[in-house]
């Protein structure tokens, strides 16, 4: 029997009572342990309970995680789709310019 442990999870609600969850999980069995990233889609019941519909796992390998993180926005903007939402710009201190050299 396999036991699943959620190490960390983040979710976003969308649509009418739906959610998307990104989580780091661990599967523990007699054969050992396996840590992975899980992308799950689900909905909330009228009682407020979560029900999962679909799940997809990604190996916990830096190159795979980096590939997915880079390609999702790239695919989203393909074929003239709108730009993905950007985080609010943080105020930065004005940059100092290097002194200009006079031309001789």
PDB file of N, CA and C in Angstrom:
ATOM      1  N   UNK A   1       0.832  -1.181   0.000  1.00  0.00           N
ATOM      2  CA  UNK A   1       0.000   0.000   0.000  1.00  0.00           C
ATOM      3  C   UNK A   1       0.880   1.250   0.000  1.00  0.00           C
ATOM      4  N   UNK A   2       0.462   2.266  -0.738  1.00  0.00           N
ATOM      5  CA  UNK A   2       1.221   3.497  -0.842  1.00  0.00           C
ATOM      6  C   UNK A   2       0.556   4.579  -0.004  1.00  0.00           C
ATOM      7  N   UNK A   3       1.366   5.276   0.786  1.00  0.00           N
ATOM      8  CA  UNK A   3       0.873   6.399   1.579  1.00  0.00           C
ATOM      9  C   UNK A   3       1.400   7.687   0.940  1.00  0.00           C
ATOM     10  N   UNK A   4       0.528   8.671   0.758  1.00  0.00           N
ATOM     11  CA  UNK A   4       0.929   9.944   0.177  1.00  0.00           C
ATOM     12  C   UNK A   4       0.951  11.004   1.266  1.00  0.00           C
ATOM     13  N   UNK A   5       2.042  11.771   1.302  1.00  0.00           N
ATOM     14  CA  UNK A   5       2.197  12.855   2.263  1.00  0.00           C
ATOM     15  C   UNK A   5       2.389  14.146   1.483  1.00  0.00           C
ATOM     16  N   UNK A   6       1.595  15.166   1.809  1.00  0.00           N
ATOM     17  CA  UNK A   6       1.756  16.472   1.168  1.00  0.00           C
ATOM     18  C   UNK A   6       2.781  17.269   1.955  1.00  0.00           C
ATOM     19  N   UNK A   7       3.851  17.673   1.292  1.00  0.00           N
ATOM     20  CA  UNK A   7       4.911  18.447   1.928  1.00  0.00           C
ATOM     21  C   UNK A   7       4.546  19.923   1.913  1.00  0.00           C
ATOM     22  N   UNK A   8       4.075  20.404   0.775  1.00  0.00           N
ATOM     23  CA  UNK A   8       3.654  21.801   0.633  1.00  0.00           C
ATOM     24  C   UNK A   8       2.649  21.868  -0.502  1.00  0.00           C
ATOM     25  N   UNK A   9       1.628  22.712  -0.348  1.00  0.00           N
ATOM     26  CA  UNK A   9       0.624  22.860  -1.410  1.00  0.00           C
ATOM     27  C   UNK A   9       0.170  24.305  -1.505  1.00  0.00           C
ATOM     28  N   UNK A  10      -0.062  24.753  -2.720  1.00  0.00           N
ATOM     29  CA  UNK A  10      -0.606  26.079  -3.008  1.00  0.00           C
ATOM     30  C   UNK A  10      -1.762  25.882  -3.975  1.00  0.00           C
ATOM     31  N   UNK A  11      -2.794  26.712  -3.854  1.00  0.00           N
ATOM     32  CA  UNK A  11      -3.936  26.561  -4.762  1.00  0.00           C
ATOM     33  C   UNK A  11      -4.448  27.919  -5.217  1.00  0.00           C
ATOM     34  N   UNK A  12      -5.160  27.890  -6.324  1.00  0.00           N
ATOM     35  CA  UNK A  12      -5.861  29.067  -6.828  1.00  0.00           C
ATOM     36  C   UNK A  12      -7.269  28.626  -7.188  1.00  0.00           C
ATOM     37  N   UNK A  13      -8.231  29.424  -6.775  1.00  0.00           N
ATOM     38  CA  UNK A  13      -9.626  29.136  -7.108  1.00  0.00           C
ATOM     39  C   UNK A  13      -9.946  29.834  -8.421  1.00  0.00           C
ATOM     40  N   UNK A  14     -10.783  29.205  -9.241  1.00  0.00           N
ATOM     41  CA  UNK A  14     -11.189  29.813 -10.509  1.00  0.00           C
ATOM     42  C   UNK A  14     -12.570  29.307 -10.868  1.00  0.00           C
ATOM     43  N   UNK A  15     -13.197  29.998 -11.794  1.00  0.00           N
ATOM     44  CA  UNK A  15     -14.514  29.565 -12.262  1.00  0.00           C
ATOM     45  C   UNK A  15     -15.517  29.479 -11.127  1.00  0.00           C
ATOM     46  N   UNK A  16     -16.464  28.584 -11.280  1.00  0.00           N
ATOM     47  CA  UNK A  16     -17.536  28.420 -10.313  1.00  0.00           C
ATOM     48  C   UNK A  16     -17.227  27.245  -9.385  1.00  0.00           C
ATOM     49  N   UNK A  17     -16.497  27.515  -8.296  1.00  0.00           N
ATOM     50  CA  UNK A  17     -16.194  26.482  -7.310  1.00  0.00           C
ATOM     51  C   UNK A  17     -15.115  25.501  -7.709  1.00  0.00           C
ATOM     52  N   UNK A  18     -14.189  25.905  -8.587  1.00  0.00           N
ATOM     53  CA  UNK A  18     -13.108  25.025  -9.029  1.00  0.00           C
ATOM     54  C   UNK A  18     -11.780  25.503  -8.436  1.00  0.00           C
ATOM     55  N   UNK A  19     -10.793  24.621  -8.437  1.00  0.00           N
ATOM     56  CA  UNK A  19      -9.461  25.005  -7.972  1.00  0.00           C
ATOM     57  C   UNK A  19      -8.384  24.233  -8.723  1.00  0.00           C
ATOM     58  N   UNK A  20      -7.191  24.808  -8.711  1.00  0.00           N
ATOM     59  CA  UNK A  20      -5.999  24.164  -9.242  1.00  0.00           C
ATOM     60  C   UNK A  20      -4.981  24.176  -8.116  1.00  0.00           C
ATOM     61  N   UNK A  21      -4.389  23.024  -7.860  1.00  0.00           N
ATOM     62  CA  UNK A  21      -3.432  22.891  -6.768  1.00  0.00           C
ATOM     63  C   UNK A  21      -2.079  22.466  -7.320  1.00  0.00           C
ATOM     64  N   UNK A  22      -1.024  23.118  -6.839  1.00  0.00           N
ATOM     65  CA  UNK A  22       0.349  22.722  -7.135  1.00  0.00           C
ATOM     66  C   UNK A  22       0.934  22.279  -5.805  1.00  0.00           C
ATOM     67  N   UNK A  23       1.440  21.057  -5.751  1.00  0.00           N
ATOM     68  CA  UNK A  23       1.928  20.536  -4.472  1.00  0.00           C
ATOM     69  C   UNK A  23       3.194  19.711  -4.647  1.00  0.00           C
ATOM     70  N   UNK A  24       3.991  19.708  -3.591  1.00  0.00           N
ATOM     71  CA  UNK A  24       5.140  18.814  -3.503  1.00  0.00           C
ATOM     72  C   UNK A  24       4.690  17.691  -2.582  1.00  0.00           C
ATOM     73  N   UNK A  25       4.769  16.458  -3.071  1.00  0.00           N
ATOM     74  CA  UNK A  25       4.265  15.313  -2.308  1.00  0.00           C
ATOM     75  C   UNK A  25       5.314  14.208  -2.237  1.00  0.00           C
ATOM     76  N   UNK A  26       5.079  13.320  -1.293  1.00  0.00           N
ATOM     77  CA  UNK A  26       5.957  12.165  -1.123  1.00  0.00           C
ATOM     78  C   UNK A  26       5.097  10.906  -1.110  1.00  0.00           C
ATOM     79  N   UNK A  27       5.480   9.936  -1.915  1.00  0.00           N
ATOM     80  CA  UNK A  27       4.818   8.629  -1.912  1.00  0.00           C
ATOM     81  C   UNK A  27       5.712   7.678  -1.125  1.00  0.00           C
ATOM     82  N   UNK A  28       5.136   7.040  -0.107  1.00  0.00           N
ATOM     83  CA  UNK A  28       5.900   6.132   0.744  1.00  0.00           C
ATOM     84  C   UNK A  28       5.313   4.721   0.592  1.00  0.00           C
ATOM     85  N   UNK A  29       6.187   3.776   0.233  1.00  0.00           N
ATOM     86  CA  UNK A  29       5.752   2.376   0.096  1.00  0.00           C
ATOM     87  C   UNK A  29       6.819   1.470   0.684  1.00  0.00           C
ATOM     88  N   UNK A  30       6.571   0.185   0.629  1.00  0.00           N
ATOM     89  CA  UNK A  30       7.548  -0.790   1.123  1.00  0.00           C
ATOM     90  C   UNK A  30       8.838  -0.728   0.316  1.00  0.00           C
ATOM     91  N   UNK A  31       8.732  -0.276  -0.939  1.00  0.00           N
ATOM     92  CA  UNK A  31       9.903  -0.206  -1.815  1.00  0.00           C
ATOM     93  C   UNK A  31      10.729   1.052  -1.607  1.00  0.00           C
ATOM     94  N   UNK A  32      10.237   2.021  -0.832  1.00  0.00           N
ATOM     95  CA  UNK A  32      10.972   3.248  -0.601  1.00  0.00           C
ATOM     96  C   UNK A  32      10.079   4.469  -0.731  1.00  0.00           C
ATOM     97  N   UNK A  33      10.724   5.617  -0.942  1.00  0.00           N
ATOM     98  CA  UNK A  33      10.011   6.882  -1.051  1.00  0.00           C
ATOM     99  C   UNK A  33      10.287   7.534  -2.394  1.00  0.00           C
ATOM    100  N   UNK A  34       9.313   8.312  -2.870  1.00  0.00           N
ATOM    101  CA  UNK A  34       9.456   9.052  -4.116  1.00  0.00           C
ATOM    102  C   UNK A  34       8.838  10.429  -3.913  1.00  0.00           C
ATOM    103  N   UNK A  35       9.619  11.487  -4.131  1.00  0.00           N
ATOM    104  CA  UNK A  35       9.125  12.854  -3.994  1.00  0.00           C
ATOM    105  C   UNK A  35       8.871  13.400  -5.393  1.00  0.00           C
ATOM    106  N   UNK A  36       7.745  14.114  -5.569  1.00  0.00           N
ATOM    107  CA  UNK A  36       7.357  14.618  -6.882  1.00  0.00           C
ATOM    108  C   UNK A  36       6.497  15.860  -6.734  1.00  0.00           C
ATOM    109  N   UNK A  37       6.266  16.540  -7.850  1.00  0.00           N
ATOM    110  CA  UNK A  37       5.358  17.683  -7.904  1.00  0.00           C
ATOM    111  C   UNK A  37       4.059  17.195  -8.514  1.00  0.00           C
ATOM    112  N   UNK A  38       2.953  17.618  -7.927  1.00  0.00           N
ATOM    113  CA  UNK A  38       1.629  17.212  -8.397  1.00  0.00           C
ATOM    114  C   UNK A  38       0.829  18.444  -8.803  1.00  0.00           C
ATOM    115  N   UNK A  39       0.233  18.403  -9.992  1.00  0.00           N
ATOM    116  CA  UNK A  39      -0.707  19.435 -10.441  1.00  0.00           C
ATOM    117  C   UNK A  39      -2.073  18.778 -10.433  1.00  0.00           C
ATOM    118  N   UNK A  40      -2.980  19.312  -9.624  1.00  0.00           N
ATOM    119  CA  UNK A  40      -4.305  18.699  -9.480  1.00  0.00           C
ATOM    120  C   UNK A  40      -5.394  19.725  -9.720  1.00  0.00           C
ATOM    121  N   UNK A  41      -6.458  19.258 -10.363  1.00  0.00           N
ATOM    122  CA  UNK A  41      -7.627  20.096 -10.623  1.00  0.00           C
ATOM    123  C   UNK A  41      -8.812  19.463  -9.916  1.00  0.00           C
ATOM    124  N   UNK A  42      -9.644  20.314  -9.323  1.00  0.00           N
ATOM    125  CA  UNK A  42     -10.787  19.783  -8.610  1.00  0.00           C
ATOM    126  C   UNK A  42     -11.875  20.818  -8.426  1.00  0.00           C
ATOM    127  N   UNK A  43     -12.821  20.487  -7.549  1.00  0.00           N
ATOM    128  CA  UNK A  43     -13.953  21.376  -7.294  1.00  0.00           C
ATOM    129  C   UNK A  43     -14.340  21.264  -5.828  1.00  0.00           C
ATOM    130  N   UNK A  44     -15.135  22.224  -5.375  1.00  0.00           N
ATOM    131  CA  UNK A  44     -15.648  22.221  -4.016  1.00  0.00           C
ATOM    132  C   UNK A  44     -17.091  21.739  -4.037  1.00  0.00           C
ATOM    133  N   UNK A  45     -17.433  20.847  -3.122  1.00  0.00           N
ATOM    134  CA  UNK A  45     -18.808  20.375  -3.002  1.00  0.00           C
ATOM    135  C   UNK A  45     -19.636  21.486  -2.346  1.00  0.00           C
ATOM    136  N   UNK A  46     -20.971  21.388  -2.377  1.00  0.00           N
ATOM    137  CA  UNK A  46     -21.804  22.389  -1.689  1.00  0.00           C
ATOM    138  C   UNK A  46     -21.472  22.503  -0.195  1.00  0.00           C
ATOM    139  N   UNK A  47     -20.926  21.443   0.390  1.00  0.00           N
ATOM    140  CA  UNK A  47     -20.540  21.470   1.803  1.00  0.00           C
ATOM    141  C   UNK A  47     -19.158  22.077   2.010  1.00  0.00           C
ATOM    142  N   UNK A  48     -18.463  22.433   0.901  1.00  0.00           N
ATOM    143  CA  UNK A  48     -17.138  23.043   0.995  1.00  0.00           C
ATOM    144  C   UNK A  48     -15.983  22.060   0.989  1.00  0.00           C
ATOM    145  N   UNK A  49     -16.258  20.785   0.781  1.00  0.00           N
ATOM    146  CA  UNK A  49     -15.200  19.781   0.732  1.00  0.00           C
ATOM    147  C   UNK A  49     -14.544  19.773  -0.643  1.00  0.00           C
ATOM    148  N   UNK A  50     -13.273  19.432  -0.676  1.00  0.00           N
ATOM    149  CA  UNK A  50     -12.545  19.345  -1.944  1.00  0.00           C
ATOM    150  C   UNK A  50     -12.732  17.978  -2.561  1.00  0.00           C
ATOM    151  N   UNK A  51     -12.904  18.000  -3.866  1.00  0.00           N
ATOM    152  CA  UNK A  51     -12.957  16.759  -4.639  1.00  0.00           C
ATOM    153  C   UNK A  51     -11.998  16.939  -5.810  1.00  0.00           C
ATOM    154  N   UNK A  52     -11.133  15.973  -5.972  1.00  0.00           N
ATOM    155  CA  UNK A  52     -10.139  16.036  -7.039  1.00  0.00           C
ATOM    156  C   UNK A  52     -10.655  15.296  -8.263  1.00  0.00           C
ATOM    157  N   UNK A  53     -10.457  15.906  -9.430  1.00  0.00           N
ATOM    158  CA  UNK A  53     -10.887  15.282 -10.686  1.00  0.00           C
ATOM    159  C   UNK A  53      -9.709  14.731 -11.470  1.00  0.00           C
ATOM    160  N   UNK A  54      -8.690  15.552 -11.639  1.00  0.00           N
ATOM    161  CA  UNK A  54      -7.553  15.161 -12.474  1.00  0.00           C
ATOM    162  C   UNK A  54      -6.260  15.510 -11.754  1.00  0.00           C
ATOM    163  N   UNK A  55      -5.235  14.728 -12.002  1.00  0.00           N
ATOM    164  CA  UNK A  55      -3.936  14.994 -11.401  1.00  0.00           C
ATOM    165  C   UNK A  55      -2.842  14.583 -12.385  1.00  0.00           C
ATOM    166  N   UNK A  56      -1.764  15.319 -12.327  1.00  0.00           N
ATOM    167  CA  UNK A  56      -0.623  15.059 -13.194  1.00  0.00           C
ATOM    168  C   UNK A  56       0.627  15.237 -12.348  1.00  0.00           C
ATOM    169  N   UNK A  57       1.578  14.328 -12.447  1.00  0.00           N
ATOM    170  CA  UNK A  57       2.796  14.456 -11.652  1.00  0.00           C
ATOM    171  C   UNK A  57       3.991  14.780 -12.527  1.00  0.00           C
ATOM    172  N   UNK A  58       4.915  15.508 -11.925  1.00  0.00           N
ATOM    173  CA  UNK A  58       6.144  15.921 -12.597  1.00  0.00           C
ATOM    174  C   UNK A  58       7.308  15.462 -11.730  1.00  0.00           C
ATOM    175  N   UNK A  59       8.319  14.833 -12.329  1.00  0.00           N
ATOM    176  CA  UNK A  59       9.478  14.402 -11.538  1.00  0.00           C
ATOM    177  C   UNK A  59      10.152  15.593 -10.866  1.00  0.00           C
ATOM    178  N   UNK A  60      10.667  15.379  -9.690  1.00  0.00           N
ATOM    179  CA  UNK A  60      11.342  16.445  -8.955  1.00  0.00           C
ATOM    180  C   UNK A  60      12.797  16.529  -9.424  1.00  0.00           C
ATOM    181  N   UNK A  61      12.949  16.961 -10.675  1.00  0.00           N
ATOM    182  CA  UNK A  61      14.267  17.169 -11.280  1.00  0.00           C
ATOM    183  C   UNK A  61      14.311  18.603 -11.780  1.00  0.00           C
ATOM    184  N   UNK A  62      15.363  19.322 -11.423  1.00  0.00           N
ATOM    185  CA  UNK A  62      15.454  20.746 -11.740  1.00  0.00           C
ATOM    186  C   UNK A  62      15.231  21.030 -13.220  1.00  0.00           C
ATOM    187  N   UNK A  63      15.838  20.263 -14.093  1.00  0.00           N
ATOM    188  CA  UNK A  63      15.710  20.552 -15.522  1.00  0.00           C
ATOM    189  C   UNK A  63      14.268  20.370 -16.006  1.00  0.00           C
ATOM    190  N   UNK A  64      13.547  19.412 -15.443  1.00  0.00           N
ATOM    191  CA  UNK A  64      12.148  19.183 -15.832  1.00  0.00           C
ATOM    192  C   UNK A  64      11.266  20.315 -15.298  1.00  0.00           C
ATOM    193  N   UNK A  65      11.449  20.685 -14.037  1.00  0.00           N
ATOM    194  CA  UNK A  65      10.678  21.775 -13.431  1.00  0.00           C
ATOM    195  C   UNK A  65      10.940  23.077 -14.188  1.00  0.00           C
ATOM    196  N   UNK A  66      12.202  23.374 -14.492  1.00  0.00           N
ATOM    197  CA  UNK A  66      12.545  24.592 -15.236  1.00  0.00           C
ATOM    198  C   UNK A  66      11.907  24.591 -16.623  1.00  0.00           C
ATOM    199  N   UNK A  67      11.886  23.438 -17.280  1.00  0.00           N
ATOM    200  CA  UNK A  67      11.286  23.325 -18.608  1.00  0.00           C
ATOM    201  C   UNK A  67       9.799  23.669 -18.549  1.00  0.00           C
ATOM    202  N   UNK A  68       9.081  23.068 -17.608  1.00  0.00           N
ATOM    203  CA  UNK A  68       7.641  23.318 -17.479  1.00  0.00           C
ATOM    204  C   UNK A  68       7.392  24.793 -17.148  1.00  0.00           C
ATOM    205  N   UNK A  69       8.155  25.337 -16.209  1.00  0.00           N
ATOM    206  CA  UNK A  69       7.972  26.741 -15.805  1.00  0.00           C
ATOM    207  C   UNK A  69       8.215  27.696 -16.972  1.00  0.00           C
ATOM    208  N   UNK A  70       9.154  27.391 -17.830  1.00  0.00           N
ATOM    209  CA  UNK A  70       9.461  28.264 -18.967  1.00  0.00           C
ATOM    210  C   UNK A  70       8.464  28.083 -20.112  1.00  0.00           C
ATOM    211  N   UNK A  71       8.005  26.871 -20.335  1.00  0.00           N
ATOM    212  CA  UNK A  71       7.170  26.600 -21.504  1.00  0.00           C
ATOM    213  C   UNK A  71       5.700  26.956 -21.323  1.00  0.00           C
ATOM    214  N   UNK A  72       5.173  26.926 -20.112  1.00  0.00           N
ATOM    215  CA  UNK A  72       3.761  27.260 -19.923  1.00  0.00           C
ATOM    216  C   UNK A  72       3.464  28.679 -20.421  1.00  0.00           C
ATOM    217  N   UNK A  73       4.200  29.710 -19.997  1.00  0.00           N
ATOM    218  CA  UNK A  73       3.917  31.052 -20.529  1.00  0.00           C
ATOM    219  C   UNK A  73       4.161  31.140 -22.035  1.00  0.00           C
ATOM    220  N   UNK A  74       5.165  30.420 -22.530  1.00  0.00           N
ATOM    221  CA  UNK A  74       5.477  30.440 -23.959  1.00  0.00           C
ATOM    222  C   UNK A  74       4.321  29.861 -24.776  1.00  0.00           C
ATOM    223  N   UNK A  75       3.782  28.758 -24.348  1.00  0.00           N
ATOM    224  CA  UNK A  75       2.664  28.124 -25.046  1.00  0.00           C
ATOM    225  C   UNK A  75       1.411  28.992 -24.923  1.00  0.00           C
ATOM    226  N   UNK A  76       1.223  29.599 -23.752  1.00  0.00           N
ATOM    227  CA  UNK A  76       0.060  30.448 -23.520  1.00  0.00           C
ATOM    228  C   UNK A  76       0.002  31.605 -24.514  1.00  0.00           C
ATOM    229  N   UNK A  77       1.138  32.198 -24.829  1.00  0.00           N
ATOM    230  CA  UNK A  77       1.168  33.364 -25.706  1.00  0.00           C
ATOM    231  C   UNK A  77       1.282  33.000 -27.182  1.00  0.00           C
ATOM    232  N   UNK A  78       1.326  31.726 -27.525  1.00  0.00           N
ATOM    233  CA  UNK A  78       1.422  31.306 -28.925  1.00  0.00           C
ATOM    234  C   UNK A  78       0.147  31.657 -29.687  1.00  0.00           C
ATOM    235  N   UNK A  79       0.276  31.861 -30.962  1.00  0.00           N
ATOM    236  CA  UNK A  79      -0.873  32.099 -31.851  1.00  0.00           C
ATOM    237  C   UNK A  79      -1.694  33.325 -31.477  1.00  0.00           C
ATOM    238  N   UNK A  80      -1.020  34.367 -30.971  1.00  0.00           N
ATOM    239  CA  UNK A  80      -1.702  35.639 -30.757  1.00  0.00           C
ATOM    240  C   UNK A  80      -2.561  35.734 -29.514  1.00  0.00           C
ATOM    241  N   UNK A  81      -2.441  34.800 -28.572  1.00  0.00           N
ATOM    242  CA  UNK A  81      -3.185  34.922 -27.320  1.00  0.00           C
ATOM    243  C   UNK A  81      -2.692  36.141 -26.551  1.00  0.00           C
ATOM    244  N   UNK A  82      -3.470  36.554 -25.594  1.00  0.00           N
ATOM    245  CA  UNK A  82      -3.086  37.685 -24.756  1.00  0.00           C
ATOM    246  C   UNK A  82      -1.852  37.325 -23.932  1.00  0.00           C
ATOM    247  N   UNK A  83      -1.152  38.353 -23.493  1.00  0.00           N
ATOM    248  CA  UNK A  83       0.001  38.155 -22.635  1.00  0.00           C
ATOM    249  C   UNK A  83      -0.464  37.644 -21.278  1.00  0.00           C
ATOM    250  N   UNK A  84       0.314  36.769 -20.630  1.00  0.00           N
ATOM    251  CA  UNK A  84      -0.071  36.322 -19.295  1.00  0.00           C
ATOM    252  C   UNK A  84      -0.014  37.485 -18.309  1.00  0.00           C
ATOM    253  N   UNK A  85      -0.799  37.406 -17.251  1.00  0.00           N
ATOM    254  CA  UNK A  85      -0.803  38.455 -16.241  1.00  0.00           C
ATOM    255  C   UNK A  85       0.580  38.540 -15.616  1.00  0.00           C
ATOM    256  N   UNK A  86       1.033  39.760 -15.384  1.00  0.00           N
ATOM    257  CA  UNK A  86       2.343  39.962 -14.785  1.00  0.00           C
ATOM    258  C   UNK A  86       2.161  40.440 -13.360  1.00  0.00           C
ATOM    259  N   UNK A  87       3.133  40.088 -12.526  1.00  0.00           N
ATOM    260  CA  UNK A  87       3.084  40.549 -11.146  1.00  0.00           C
ATOM    261  C   UNK A  87       3.225  42.057 -11.132  1.00  0.00           C
ATOM    262  N   UNK A  88       2.657  42.671 -10.095  1.00  0.00           N
ATOM    263  CA  UNK A  88       2.774  44.110  -9.981  1.00  0.00           C
ATOM    264  C   UNK A  88       4.243  44.480  -9.886  1.00  0.00           C
ATOM    265  N   UNK A  89       4.594  45.540 -10.589  1.00  0.00           N
ATOM    266  CA  UNK A  89       5.979  45.991 -10.569  1.00  0.00           C
ATOM    267  C   UNK A  89       6.320  46.513  -9.183  1.00  0.00           C
ATOM    268  N   UNK A  90       7.452  46.096  -8.674  1.00  0.00           N
ATOM    269  CA  UNK A  90       7.907  46.584  -7.380  1.00  0.00           C
ATOM    270  C   UNK A  90       8.655  47.885  -7.604  1.00  0.00           C
ATOM    271  N   UNK A  91       8.460  48.821  -6.678  1.00  0.00           N
ATOM    272  CA  UNK A  91       9.170  50.083  -6.813  1.00  0.00           C
ATOM    273  C   UNK A  91      10.635  49.850  -6.562  1.00  0.00           C
ATOM    274  N   UNK A  92      11.437  50.346  -7.468  1.00  0.00           N
ATOM    275  CA  UNK A  92      12.871  50.211  -7.322  1.00  0.00           C
ATOM    276  C   UNK A  92      13.467  51.593  -7.168  1.00  0.00           C
ATOM    277  N   UNK A  93      14.569  51.651  -6.485  1.00  0.00           N
ATOM    278  CA  UNK A  93      15.275  52.922  -6.358  1.00  0.00           C
ATOM    279  C   UNK A  93      15.778  53.321  -7.738  1.00  0.00           C
ATOM    280  N   UNK A  94      15.780  54.635  -8.038  1.00  0.00           N
ATOM    281  CA  UNK A  94      16.281  55.049  -9.354  1.00  0.00           C
ATOM    282  C   UNK A  94      17.715  54.589  -9.547  1.00  0.00           C
ATOM    283  N   UNK A  95      18.003  54.140 -10.749  1.00  0.00           N
ATOM    284  CA  UNK A  95      19.350  53.670 -11.055  1.00  0.00           C
ATOM    285  C   UNK A  95      20.247  54.874 -11.317  1.00  0.00           C
ATOM    286  N   UNK A  96      21.450  54.798 -10.777  1.00  0.00           N
ATOM    287  CA  UNK A  96      22.410  55.875 -11.010  1.00  0.00           C
ATOM    288  C   UNK A  96      23.111  55.609 -12.328  1.00  0.00           C
ATOM    289  N   UNK A  97      23.210  56.648 -13.126  1.00  0.00           N
ATOM    290  CA  UNK A  97      23.900  56.499 -14.401  1.00  0.00           C
ATOM    291  C   UNK A  97      25.379  56.741 -14.200  1.00  0.00           C
ATOM    292  N   UNK A  98      26.175  56.035 -14.972  1.00  0.00           N
ATOM    293  CA  UNK A  98      27.613  56.245 -14.933  1.00  0.00           C
ATOM    294  C   UNK A  98      27.901  57.612 -15.520  1.00  0.00           C
ATOM    295  N   UNK A  99      28.916  58.298 -14.994  1.00  0.00           N
ATOM    296  CA  UNK A  99      29.262  59.612 -15.546  1.00  0.00           C
ATOM    297  C   UNK A  99      29.592  59.497 -17.028  1.00  0.00           C
ATOM    298  N   UNK A 100      29.101  60.464 -17.803  1.00  0.00           N
ATOM    299  CA  UNK A 100      29.364  60.448 -19.243  1.00  0.00           C
ATOM    300  C   UNK A 100      30.732  61.046 -19.517  1.00  0.00           C
ATOM    301  N   UNK A 101      31.426  60.429 -20.453  1.00  0.00           N
ATOM    302  CA  UNK A 101      32.734  60.933 -20.844  1.00  0.00           C
ATOM    303  C   UNK A 101      32.549  61.907 -21.991  1.00  0.00           C
ATOM    304  N   UNK A 102      33.284  63.019 -21.904  1.00  0.00           N
ATOM    305  CA  UNK A 102      33.241  63.996 -22.995  1.00  0.00           C
ATOM    306  C   UNK A 102      33.999  63.448 -24.175  1.00  0.00           C
ATOM    307  N   UNK A 103      33.450  63.714 -25.360  1.00  0.00           N
ATOM    308  CA  UNK A 103      34.129  63.297 -26.583  1.00  0.00           C
ATOM    309  C   UNK A 103      35.243  64.294 -26.861  1.00  0.00           C
ATOM    310  N   UNK A 104      36.392  63.805 -27.309  1.00  0.00           N
ATOM    311  CA  UNK A 104      37.516  64.684 -27.624  1.00  0.00           C
ATOM    312  C   UNK A 104      37.505  65.127 -29.034  1.00  0.00           C
TER     313      UNK A 104
END
